[in-house]
Amino acid sequence: MKLKSRHYYIRKSHRYLGLVLGIQFLFWTIGGLYFSWNDIDEVHGDHLRSEKRYFPADLRLISPQVVLDNLKTNRQVDSVAGIQLAEINGEPVYQVRYFTGNADHATGEAGGHSAMAATNQKVQLARAATGEFIPALTKEQAVAVASNQLKAPVKVEKVEYLTEAGAHHEYREKPLPAWAITYSQPANCTVYVSAELGTFQAIRHNQWRMFDFLWMLHTMDYESRDNFGNLLLRVFSVLGLLTVVSGFVLYFVSSPRQKKATAYQKVNR
């Protein structure tokens, strides 16, 4: 094959690869700029949250075993996922997460439970001082939990009760059901509170939403946004590498020295 034809095909391949990948390269660049110019703590909404409160050291609590024994008297408890001390509107509360049924609840490699186990997981709240069971949070209680999380909550614009969240929802992969409390200020933020756990789960605001949208474009995961190893991204990464390599080859075969060498070979044939 002659050098001219190689040059032609390399240039044509580089041109069309650049055309196909150019828009995605632009998305990667814009996303990278946004990620690097924004503080990740602010993206997470840490600057909007009030200072975390802790319980005093002289706090009087009953044993979690008492709560668990009381739970087993009127519930089927197959296994226990965890018992955690939490704070709900200033009150110490035990969160008891347990499983019902005969599913295999052994934790997997990633530390999670099987799909069957996850559907059988239950949560029971109990006052840590008395052991008295507490039902899931009401709307008013959830609003109080959310407002306590903010430094300066203004006006509650909307309160929603979520029983499901899709792959593109800003509350995806979080405990459900949950209360979503939206405030007019600051930054049009929404605070999510787990109804069964009774505690704050996430805060979402405009800066986070822009970050999340650009993250989707960056990862090219248009199904769930967070899969960094999807097939589309892998294909574009390989094509991007080919584009760069073809550019270097094109530069080499188009250099004046290479052109002189080619012309010299033709003259001396």
C-alpha atoms as a PDB file:
ATOM      1  CA  MET A   1       0.000   0.000   0.000  1.00  0.00           C
ATOM      2  CA  LYS A   2       1.324   3.415  -0.914  1.00  0.00           C
ATOM      3  CA  LEU A   3       2.105   6.009   1.741  1.00  0.00           C
ATOM      4  CA  LYS A   4      -0.405   8.396   0.174  1.00  0.00           C
ATOM      5  CA  SER A   5      -3.266   5.946   0.574  1.00  0.00           C
ATOM      6  CA  ARG A   6      -2.231   5.232   4.173  1.00  0.00           C
ATOM      7  CA  HIS A   7      -2.167   8.934   4.842  1.00  0.00           C
ATOM      8  CA  TYR A   8      -5.625   9.301   3.308  1.00  0.00           C
ATOM      9  CA  TYR A   9      -7.218   6.529   5.361  1.00  0.00           C
ATOM     10  CA  ILE A  10      -5.548   7.617   8.600  1.00  0.00           C
ATOM     11  CA  ARG A  11      -6.739  11.194   8.067  1.00  0.00           C
ATOM     12  CA  LYS A  12     -10.252  10.042   7.226  1.00  0.00           C
ATOM     13  CA  SER A  13     -10.432   7.723  10.259  1.00  0.00           C
ATOM     14  CA  HIS A  14      -9.149  10.486  12.554  1.00  0.00           C
ATOM     15  CA  ARG A  15     -11.665  12.917  11.136  1.00  0.00           C
ATOM     16  CA  TYR A  16     -14.718  10.731  11.663  1.00  0.00           C
ATOM     17  CA  LEU A  17     -13.579   9.481  15.050  1.00  0.00           C
ATOM     18  CA  GLY A  18     -13.134  13.088  16.130  1.00  0.00           C
ATOM     19  CA  LEU A  19     -16.599  13.947  14.849  1.00  0.00           C
ATOM     20  CA  VAL A  20     -18.246  11.071  16.712  1.00  0.00           C
ATOM     21  CA  LEU A  21     -16.303  11.568  19.945  1.00  0.00           C
ATOM     22  CA  GLY A  22     -16.079  15.351  19.961  1.00  0.00           C
ATOM     23  CA  ILE A  23     -19.370  15.953  21.770  1.00  0.00           C
ATOM     24  CA  GLN A  24     -18.553  13.379  24.447  1.00  0.00           C
ATOM     25  CA  PHE A  25     -15.077  14.864  24.881  1.00  0.00           C
ATOM     26  CA  LEU A  26     -16.794  18.219  25.434  1.00  0.00           C
ATOM     27  CA  PHE A  27     -19.051  16.661  28.105  1.00  0.00           C
ATOM     28  CA  TRP A  28     -16.042  15.077  29.813  1.00  0.00           C
ATOM     29  CA  THR A  29     -14.198  18.399  29.820  1.00  0.00           C
ATOM     30  CA  ILE A  30     -17.148  20.425  31.131  1.00  0.00           C
ATOM     31  CA  GLY A  31     -17.827  17.800  33.806  1.00  0.00           C
ATOM     32  CA  GLY A  32     -14.183  17.683  34.842  1.00  0.00           C
ATOM     33  CA  LEU A  33     -14.080  21.469  35.170  1.00  0.00           C
ATOM     34  CA  TYR A  34     -17.237  21.506  37.287  1.00  0.00           C
ATOM     35  CA  PHE A  35     -16.009  18.678  39.529  1.00  0.00           C
ATOM     36  CA  SER A  36     -12.632  20.311  40.111  1.00  0.00           C
ATOM     37  CA  TRP A  37     -14.048  23.797  40.762  1.00  0.00           C
ATOM     38  CA  ASN A  38     -16.633  22.693  43.324  1.00  0.00           C
ATOM     39  CA  ASP A  39     -16.017  21.621  46.895  1.00  0.00           C
ATOM     40  CA  ILE A  40     -17.366  18.080  47.270  1.00  0.00           C
ATOM     41  CA  ASP A  41     -18.496  18.848  50.840  1.00  0.00           C
ATOM     42  CA  GLU A  42     -20.665  21.674  49.511  1.00  0.00           C
ATOM     43  CA  VAL A  43     -22.010  19.379  46.808  1.00  0.00           C
ATOM     44  CA  HIS A  44     -23.048  16.973  49.576  1.00  0.00           C
ATOM     45  CA  GLY A  45     -24.750  19.887  51.356  1.00  0.00           C
ATOM     46  CA  ASP A  46     -22.540  19.819  54.440  1.00  0.00           C
ATOM     47  CA  HIS A  47     -22.434  23.637  54.490  1.00  0.00           C
ATOM     48  CA  LEU A  48     -26.244  23.702  54.825  1.00  0.00           C
ATOM     49  CA  ARG A  49     -26.405  21.313  57.762  1.00  0.00           C
ATOM     50  CA  SER A  50     -26.376  22.261  61.415  1.00  0.00           C
ATOM     51  CA  GLU A  51     -23.652  20.988  63.699  1.00  0.00           C
ATOM     52  CA  LYS A  52     -24.109  17.365  64.741  1.00  0.00           C
ATOM     53  CA  ARG A  53     -25.354  16.915  68.275  1.00  0.00           C
ATOM     54  CA  TYR A  54     -24.132  14.205  70.654  1.00  0.00           C
ATOM     55  CA  PHE A  55     -25.638  12.628  73.721  1.00  0.00           C
ATOM     56  CA  PRO A  56     -24.195  13.439  77.172  1.00  0.00           C
ATOM     57  CA  ALA A  57     -21.943  10.839  78.748  1.00  0.00           C
ATOM     58  CA  ASP A  58     -24.326  10.340  81.711  1.00  0.00           C
ATOM     59  CA  LEU A  59     -27.143   9.199  79.424  1.00  0.00           C
ATOM     60  CA  ARG A  60     -29.197   6.411  81.008  1.00  0.00           C
ATOM     61  CA  LEU A  61     -30.113   3.638  78.556  1.00  0.00           C
ATOM     62  CA  ILE A  62     -31.643   0.211  78.860  1.00  0.00           C
ATOM     63  CA  SER A  63     -29.895  -2.764  77.305  1.00  0.00           C
ATOM     64  CA  PRO A  64     -30.610  -3.400  73.605  1.00  0.00           C
ATOM     65  CA  GLN A  65     -31.187  -7.013  74.643  1.00  0.00           C
ATOM     66  CA  VAL A  66     -34.361  -5.949  76.438  1.00  0.00           C
ATOM     67  CA  VAL A  67     -35.676  -4.355  73.257  1.00  0.00           C
ATOM     68  CA  LEU A  68     -34.770  -7.411  71.213  1.00  0.00           C
ATOM     69  CA  ASP A  69     -36.436  -9.785  73.687  1.00  0.00           C
ATOM     70  CA  ASN A  70     -39.613  -7.683  73.653  1.00  0.00           C
ATOM     71  CA  LEU A  71     -39.561  -7.661  69.876  1.00  0.00           C
ATOM     72  CA  LYS A  72     -39.328 -11.441  69.686  1.00  0.00           C
ATOM     73  CA  THR A  73     -42.408 -11.887  71.897  1.00  0.00           C
ATOM     74  CA  ASN A  74     -44.771 -10.573  69.201  1.00  0.00           C
ATOM     75  CA  ARG A  75     -42.720 -10.647  65.969  1.00  0.00           C
ATOM     76  CA  GLN A  76     -40.992 -13.344  63.981  1.00  0.00           C
ATOM     77  CA  VAL A  77     -37.282 -12.513  64.143  1.00  0.00           C
ATOM     78  CA  ASP A  78     -35.212 -14.813  61.975  1.00  0.00           C
ATOM     79  CA  SER A  79     -31.945 -12.876  62.302  1.00  0.00           C
ATOM     80  CA  VAL A  80     -30.702  -9.425  63.296  1.00  0.00           C
ATOM     81  CA  ALA A  81     -28.953  -7.088  60.860  1.00  0.00           C
ATOM     82  CA  GLY A  82     -28.014  -4.519  63.487  1.00  0.00           C
ATOM     83  CA  ILE A  83     -29.019  -2.444  66.487  1.00  0.00           C
ATOM     84  CA  GLN A  84     -27.957   1.181  66.427  1.00  0.00           C
ATOM     85  CA  LEU A  85     -28.387   4.115  68.764  1.00  0.00           C
ATOM     86  CA  ALA A  86     -29.762   7.157  66.946  1.00  0.00           C
ATOM     87  CA  GLU A  87     -31.196  10.560  67.776  1.00  0.00           C
ATOM     88  CA  ILE A  88     -34.710  11.522  66.699  1.00  0.00           C
ATOM     89  CA  ASN A  89     -35.661  15.088  67.572  1.00  0.00           C
ATOM     90  CA  GLY A  90     -33.399  15.099  70.616  1.00  0.00           C
ATOM     91  CA  GLU A  91     -34.469  11.690  71.943  1.00  0.00           C
ATOM     92  CA  PRO A  92     -32.171   8.623  72.032  1.00  0.00           C
ATOM     93  CA  VAL A  93     -33.706   5.790  70.048  1.00  0.00           C
ATOM     94  CA  TYR A  94     -32.681   2.254  69.134  1.00  0.00           C
ATOM     95  CA  GLN A  95     -32.983   1.243  65.498  1.00  0.00           C
ATOM     96  CA  VAL A  96     -33.459  -2.519  65.352  1.00  0.00           C
ATOM     97  CA  ARG A  97     -33.064  -3.977  61.854  1.00  0.00           C
ATOM     98  CA  TYR A  98     -34.075  -7.601  61.586  1.00  0.00           C
ATOM     99  CA  PHE A  99     -35.213 -10.224  59.093  1.00  0.00           C
ATOM    100  CA  THR A 100     -38.320 -12.342  58.947  1.00  0.00           C
ATOM    101  CA  GLY A 101     -38.801 -15.606  57.076  1.00  0.00           C
ATOM    102  CA  ASN A 102     -36.301 -18.320  56.295  1.00  0.00           C
ATOM    103  CA  ALA A 103     -34.206 -16.545  53.665  1.00  0.00           C
ATOM    104  CA  ASP A 104     -30.430 -16.841  53.705  1.00  0.00           C
ATOM    105  CA  HIS A 105     -29.233 -13.614  55.335  1.00  0.00           C
ATOM    106  CA  ALA A 106     -25.504 -14.137  55.074  1.00  0.00           C
ATOM    107  CA  THR A 107     -23.803 -10.952  53.943  1.00  0.00           C
ATOM    108  CA  GLY A 108     -22.290 -10.916  50.476  1.00  0.00           C
ATOM    109  CA  GLU A 109     -18.874  -9.809  49.286  1.00  0.00           C
ATOM    110  CA  ALA A 110     -19.916  -6.160  49.162  1.00  0.00           C
ATOM    111  CA  GLY A 111     -21.323  -6.260  52.686  1.00  0.00           C
ATOM    112  CA  GLY A 112     -24.955  -6.254  51.508  1.00  0.00           C
ATOM    113  CA  HIS A 113     -27.727  -8.825  51.703  1.00  0.00           C
ATOM    114  CA  SER A 114     -29.285 -10.922  49.008  1.00  0.00           C
ATOM    115  CA  ALA A 115     -32.283  -9.542  47.146  1.00  0.00           C
ATOM    116  CA  MET A 116     -34.627 -11.881  49.031  1.00  0.00           C
ATOM    117  CA  ALA A 117     -33.148 -10.876  52.369  1.00  0.00           C
ATOM    118  CA  ALA A 118     -33.491  -7.192  51.554  1.00  0.00           C
ATOM    119  CA  THR A 119     -37.225  -7.579  50.887  1.00  0.00           C
ATOM    120  CA  ASN A 120     -37.666  -9.336  54.241  1.00  0.00           C
ATOM    121  CA  GLN A 121     -35.767  -6.772  56.287  1.00  0.00           C
ATOM    122  CA  LYS A 122     -37.831  -4.923  58.872  1.00  0.00           C
ATOM    123  CA  VAL A 123     -37.084  -1.989  61.147  1.00  0.00           C
ATOM    124  CA  GLN A 124     -38.386  -1.321  64.627  1.00  0.00           C
ATOM    125  CA  LEU A 125     -37.744   1.863  66.588  1.00  0.00           C
ATOM    126  CA  ALA A 126     -37.689   1.856  70.385  1.00  0.00           C
ATOM    127  CA  ARG A 127     -37.014   4.516  72.978  1.00  0.00           C
ATOM    128  CA  ALA A 128     -33.556   3.823  74.331  1.00  0.00           C
ATOM    129  CA  ALA A 129     -34.491   5.025  77.819  1.00  0.00           C
ATOM    130  CA  THR A 130     -37.576   2.818  78.305  1.00  0.00           C
ATOM    131  CA  GLY A 131     -37.635   0.248  75.499  1.00  0.00           C
ATOM    132  CA  GLU A 132     -41.072   1.414  74.351  1.00  0.00           C
ATOM    133  CA  PHE A 133     -41.687   0.740  70.663  1.00  0.00           C
ATOM    134  CA  ILE A 134     -42.140   3.731  68.352  1.00  0.00           C
ATOM    135  CA  PRO A 135     -44.050   3.660  65.049  1.00  0.00           C
ATOM    136  CA  ALA A 136     -42.645   5.026  61.799  1.00  0.00           C
ATOM    137  CA  LEU A 137     -42.317   8.794  61.594  1.00  0.00           C
ATOM    138  CA  THR A 138     -45.379  10.884  60.880  1.00  0.00           C
ATOM    139  CA  LYS A 139     -45.278  13.837  58.503  1.00  0.00           C
ATOM    140  CA  GLU A 140     -44.898  16.329  61.339  1.00  0.00           C
ATOM    141  CA  GLN A 141     -42.098  14.344  62.978  1.00  0.00           C
ATOM    142  CA  ALA A 142     -40.255  14.035  59.672  1.00  0.00           C
ATOM    143  CA  VAL A 143     -40.469  17.785  59.084  1.00  0.00           C
ATOM    144  CA  ALA A 144     -39.022  18.358  62.566  1.00  0.00           C
ATOM    145  CA  VAL A 145     -36.127  15.959  61.857  1.00  0.00           C
ATOM    146  CA  ALA A 146     -35.428  17.672  58.532  1.00  0.00           C
ATOM    147  CA  SER A 147     -35.572  21.196  59.984  1.00  0.00           C
ATOM    148  CA  ASN A 148     -33.173  20.213  62.767  1.00  0.00           C
ATOM    149  CA  GLN A 149     -30.651  19.229  60.100  1.00  0.00           C
ATOM    150  CA  LEU A 150     -30.519  22.699  58.528  1.00  0.00           C
ATOM    151  CA  LYS A 151     -28.637  25.704  59.841  1.00  0.00           C
ATOM    152  CA  ALA A 152     -31.377  28.100  58.814  1.00  0.00           C
ATOM    153  CA  PRO A 153     -34.494  26.384  57.467  1.00  0.00           C
ATOM    154  CA  VAL A 154     -36.946  28.847  55.951  1.00  0.00           C
ATOM    155  CA  LYS A 155     -40.315  27.813  54.586  1.00  0.00           C
ATOM    156  CA  VAL A 156     -41.422  24.277  53.853  1.00  0.00           C
ATOM    157  CA  GLU A 157     -42.660  24.292  50.271  1.00  0.00           C
ATOM    158  CA  LYS A 158     -43.691  20.666  49.897  1.00  0.00           C
ATOM    159  CA  VAL A 159     -43.698  17.353  51.748  1.00  0.00           C
ATOM    160  CA  GLU A 160     -43.877  14.039  49.885  1.00  0.00           C
ATOM    161  CA  TYR A 161     -44.024  10.437  51.056  1.00  0.00           C
ATOM    162  CA  LEU A 162     -41.867   8.216  48.838  1.00  0.00           C
ATOM    163  CA  THR A 163     -42.412   4.489  48.551  1.00  0.00           C
ATOM    164  CA  GLU A 164     -40.226   4.070  45.463  1.00  0.00           C
ATOM    165  CA  ALA A 165     -37.413   5.942  43.729  1.00  0.00           C
ATOM    166  CA  GLY A 166     -36.305   5.259  40.164  1.00  0.00           C
ATOM    167  CA  ALA A 167     -32.772   4.870  38.863  1.00  0.00           C
ATOM    168  CA  HIS A 168     -32.574   8.594  38.045  1.00  0.00           C
ATOM    169  CA  HIS A 169     -34.226   9.867  41.218  1.00  0.00           C
ATOM    170  CA  GLU A 170     -32.010  12.028  43.423  1.00  0.00           C
ATOM    171  CA  TYR A 171     -32.850   9.746  46.360  1.00  0.00           C
ATOM    172  CA  ARG A 172     -31.932   6.540  44.542  1.00  0.00           C
ATOM    173  CA  GLU A 173     -30.497   3.571  46.449  1.00  0.00           C
ATOM    174  CA  LYS A 174     -31.573   4.965  49.823  1.00  0.00           C
ATOM    175  CA  PRO A 175     -33.889   3.481  52.485  1.00  0.00           C
ATOM    176  CA  LEU A 176     -37.591   3.533  51.622  1.00  0.00           C
ATOM    177  CA  PRO A 177     -40.203   4.588  52.518  1.00  0.00           C
ATOM    178  CA  ALA A 178     -39.003   8.123  53.121  1.00  0.00           C
ATOM    179  CA  TRP A 179     -40.261  11.641  53.614  1.00  0.00           C
ATOM    180  CA  ALA A 180     -39.029  14.312  51.188  1.00  0.00           C
ATOM    181  CA  ILE A 181     -39.201  17.801  52.706  1.00  0.00           C
ATOM    182  CA  THR A 182     -38.492  20.616  50.238  1.00  0.00           C
ATOM    183  CA  TYR A 183     -37.594  24.138  51.376  1.00  0.00           C
ATOM    184  CA  SER A 184     -37.683  27.351  49.350  1.00  0.00           C
ATOM    185  CA  GLN A 185     -34.284  28.252  50.751  1.00  0.00           C
ATOM    186  CA  PRO A 186     -31.395  27.619  50.967  1.00  0.00           C
ATOM    187  CA  ALA A 187     -30.578  26.557  47.384  1.00  0.00           C
ATOM    188  CA  ASN A 188     -34.014  24.996  46.859  1.00  0.00           C
ATOM    189  CA  CYS A 189     -32.939  22.037  48.983  1.00  0.00           C
ATOM    190  CA  THR A 190     -34.813  18.836  49.750  1.00  0.00           C
ATOM    191  CA  VAL A 191     -34.094  16.861  52.904  1.00  0.00           C
ATOM    192  CA  TYR A 192     -34.856  13.139  52.877  1.00  0.00           C
ATOM    193  CA  VAL A 193     -35.759  11.370  56.111  1.00  0.00           C
ATOM    194  CA  SER A 194     -36.280   7.617  56.390  1.00  0.00           C
ATOM    195  CA  ALA A 195     -39.739   6.945  57.789  1.00  0.00           C
ATOM    196  CA  GLU A 196     -38.834   3.606  59.380  1.00  0.00           C
ATOM    197  CA  LEU A 197     -35.314   4.470  60.546  1.00  0.00           C
ATOM    198  CA  GLY A 198     -36.504   7.877  61.690  1.00  0.00           C
ATOM    199  CA  THR A 199     -33.283   9.624  60.706  1.00  0.00           C
ATOM    200  CA  PHE A 200     -31.821  11.974  58.113  1.00  0.00           C
ATOM    201  CA  GLN A 201     -30.562  10.252  54.972  1.00  0.00           C
ATOM    202  CA  ALA A 202     -29.616  12.870  52.378  1.00  0.00           C
ATOM    203  CA  ILE A 203     -29.843  16.499  51.389  1.00  0.00           C
ATOM    204  CA  ARG A 204     -30.167  17.532  47.760  1.00  0.00           C
ATOM    205  CA  HIS A 205     -29.867  21.053  46.382  1.00  0.00           C
ATOM    206  CA  ASN A 206     -29.211  22.787  43.053  1.00  0.00           C
ATOM    207  CA  GLN A 207     -25.440  22.403  43.209  1.00  0.00           C
ATOM    208  CA  TRP A 208     -25.766  18.660  43.829  1.00  0.00           C
ATOM    209  CA  ARG A 209     -28.323  18.296  41.029  1.00  0.00           C
ATOM    210  CA  MET A 210     -25.979  19.929  38.516  1.00  0.00           C
ATOM    211  CA  PHE A 211     -23.144  17.720  39.747  1.00  0.00           C
ATOM    212  CA  ASP A 212     -25.342  14.631  39.389  1.00  0.00           C
ATOM    213  CA  PHE A 213     -26.396  15.543  35.830  1.00  0.00           C
ATOM    214  CA  LEU A 214     -22.808  16.149  34.728  1.00  0.00           C
ATOM    215  CA  TRP A 215     -21.769  12.939  36.486  1.00  0.00           C
ATOM    216  CA  MET A 216     -24.278  11.040  34.356  1.00  0.00           C
ATOM    217  CA  LEU A 217     -22.772  12.575  31.201  1.00  0.00           C
ATOM    218  CA  HIS A 218     -19.278  11.859  32.515  1.00  0.00           C
ATOM    219  CA  THR A 219     -19.917   8.170  33.247  1.00  0.00           C
ATOM    220  CA  MET A 220     -22.207   7.753  30.220  1.00  0.00           C
ATOM    221  CA  ASP A 221     -24.489   5.672  32.399  1.00  0.00           C
ATOM    222  CA  TYR A 222     -27.915   6.778  31.184  1.00  0.00           C
ATOM    223  CA  GLU A 223     -29.716   3.992  33.035  1.00  0.00           C
ATOM    224  CA  SER A 224     -28.623   4.354  36.656  1.00  0.00           C
ATOM    225  CA  ARG A 225     -26.016   7.193  36.495  1.00  0.00           C
ATOM    226  CA  ASP A 226     -23.535   5.536  38.852  1.00  0.00           C
ATOM    227  CA  ASN A 227     -22.174   2.573  36.893  1.00  0.00           C
ATOM    228  CA  PHE A 228     -18.624   3.574  35.975  1.00  0.00           C
ATOM    229  CA  GLY A 229     -17.942   0.326  34.120  1.00  0.00           C
ATOM    230  CA  ASN A 230     -20.794   0.295  31.602  1.00  0.00           C
ATOM    231  CA  LEU A 231     -20.258  -0.930  28.034  1.00  0.00           C
ATOM    232  CA  LEU A 232     -20.877   2.453  26.377  1.00  0.00           C
ATOM    233  CA  LEU A 233     -18.162   4.144  28.421  1.00  0.00           C
ATOM    234  CA  ARG A 234     -15.711   1.345  27.640  1.00  0.00           C
ATOM    235  CA  VAL A 235     -16.396   1.587  23.906  1.00  0.00           C
ATOM    236  CA  PHE A 236     -15.958   5.369  23.861  1.00  0.00           C
ATOM    237  CA  SER A 237     -12.773   5.068  25.915  1.00  0.00           C
ATOM    238  CA  VAL A 238     -11.273   2.697  23.333  1.00  0.00           C
ATOM    239  CA  LEU A 239     -12.417   4.910  20.462  1.00  0.00           C
ATOM    240  CA  GLY A 240     -10.923   7.912  22.241  1.00  0.00           C
ATOM    241  CA  LEU A 241      -7.589   6.109  22.503  1.00  0.00           C
ATOM    242  CA  LEU A 242      -7.727   5.274  18.794  1.00  0.00           C
ATOM    243  CA  THR A 243      -8.457   8.915  18.004  1.00  0.00           C
ATOM    244  CA  VAL A 244      -5.407  10.074  19.921  1.00  0.00           C
ATOM    245  CA  VAL A 245      -3.175   7.400  18.382  1.00  0.00           C
ATOM    246  CA  SER A 246      -4.391   8.209  14.877  1.00  0.00           C
ATOM    247  CA  GLY A 247      -3.624  11.862  15.547  1.00  0.00           C
ATOM    248  CA  PHE A 248      -0.029  11.043  16.451  1.00  0.00           C
ATOM    249  CA  VAL A 249       0.324   8.825  13.367  1.00  0.00           C
ATOM    250  CA  LEU A 250      -1.201  11.524  11.190  1.00  0.00           C
ATOM    251  CA  TYR A 251       1.240  14.071  12.569  1.00  0.00           C
ATOM    252  CA  PHE A 252       4.143  11.760  11.816  1.00  0.00           C
ATOM    253  CA  VAL A 253       3.175  10.909   8.227  1.00  0.00           C
ATOM    254  CA  SER A 254       2.333  14.583   7.532  1.00  0.00           C
ATOM    255  CA  SER A 255       5.586  16.013   8.901  1.00  0.00           C
ATOM    256  CA  PRO A 256       7.822  17.907   6.443  1.00  0.00           C
ATOM    257  CA  ARG A 257      10.698  15.461   7.049  1.00  0.00           C
ATOM    258  CA  GLN A 258       8.478  12.504   6.152  1.00  0.00           C
ATOM    259  CA  LYS A 259       7.238  14.290   3.032  1.00  0.00           C
ATOM    260  CA  LYS A 260      10.823  15.009   1.915  1.00  0.00           C
ATOM    261  CA  ALA A 261      11.764  11.370   2.502  1.00  0.00           C
ATOM    262  CA  THR A 262       8.797  10.221   0.448  1.00  0.00           C
ATOM    263  CA  ALA A 263       9.618  12.632  -2.381  1.00  0.00           C
ATOM    264  CA  TYR A 264      13.264  11.544  -2.338  1.00  0.00           C
ATOM    265  CA  GLN A 265      12.241   7.881  -2.626  1.00  0.00           C
ATOM    266  CA  LYS A 266      10.050   8.659  -5.631  1.00  0.00           C
ATOM    267  CA  VAL A 267      12.826  10.587  -7.436  1.00  0.00           C
ATOM    268  CA  ASN A 268      15.388   7.864  -6.871  1.00  0.00           C
ATOM    269  CA  ARG A 269      13.255   4.930  -8.015  1.00  0.00           C
END
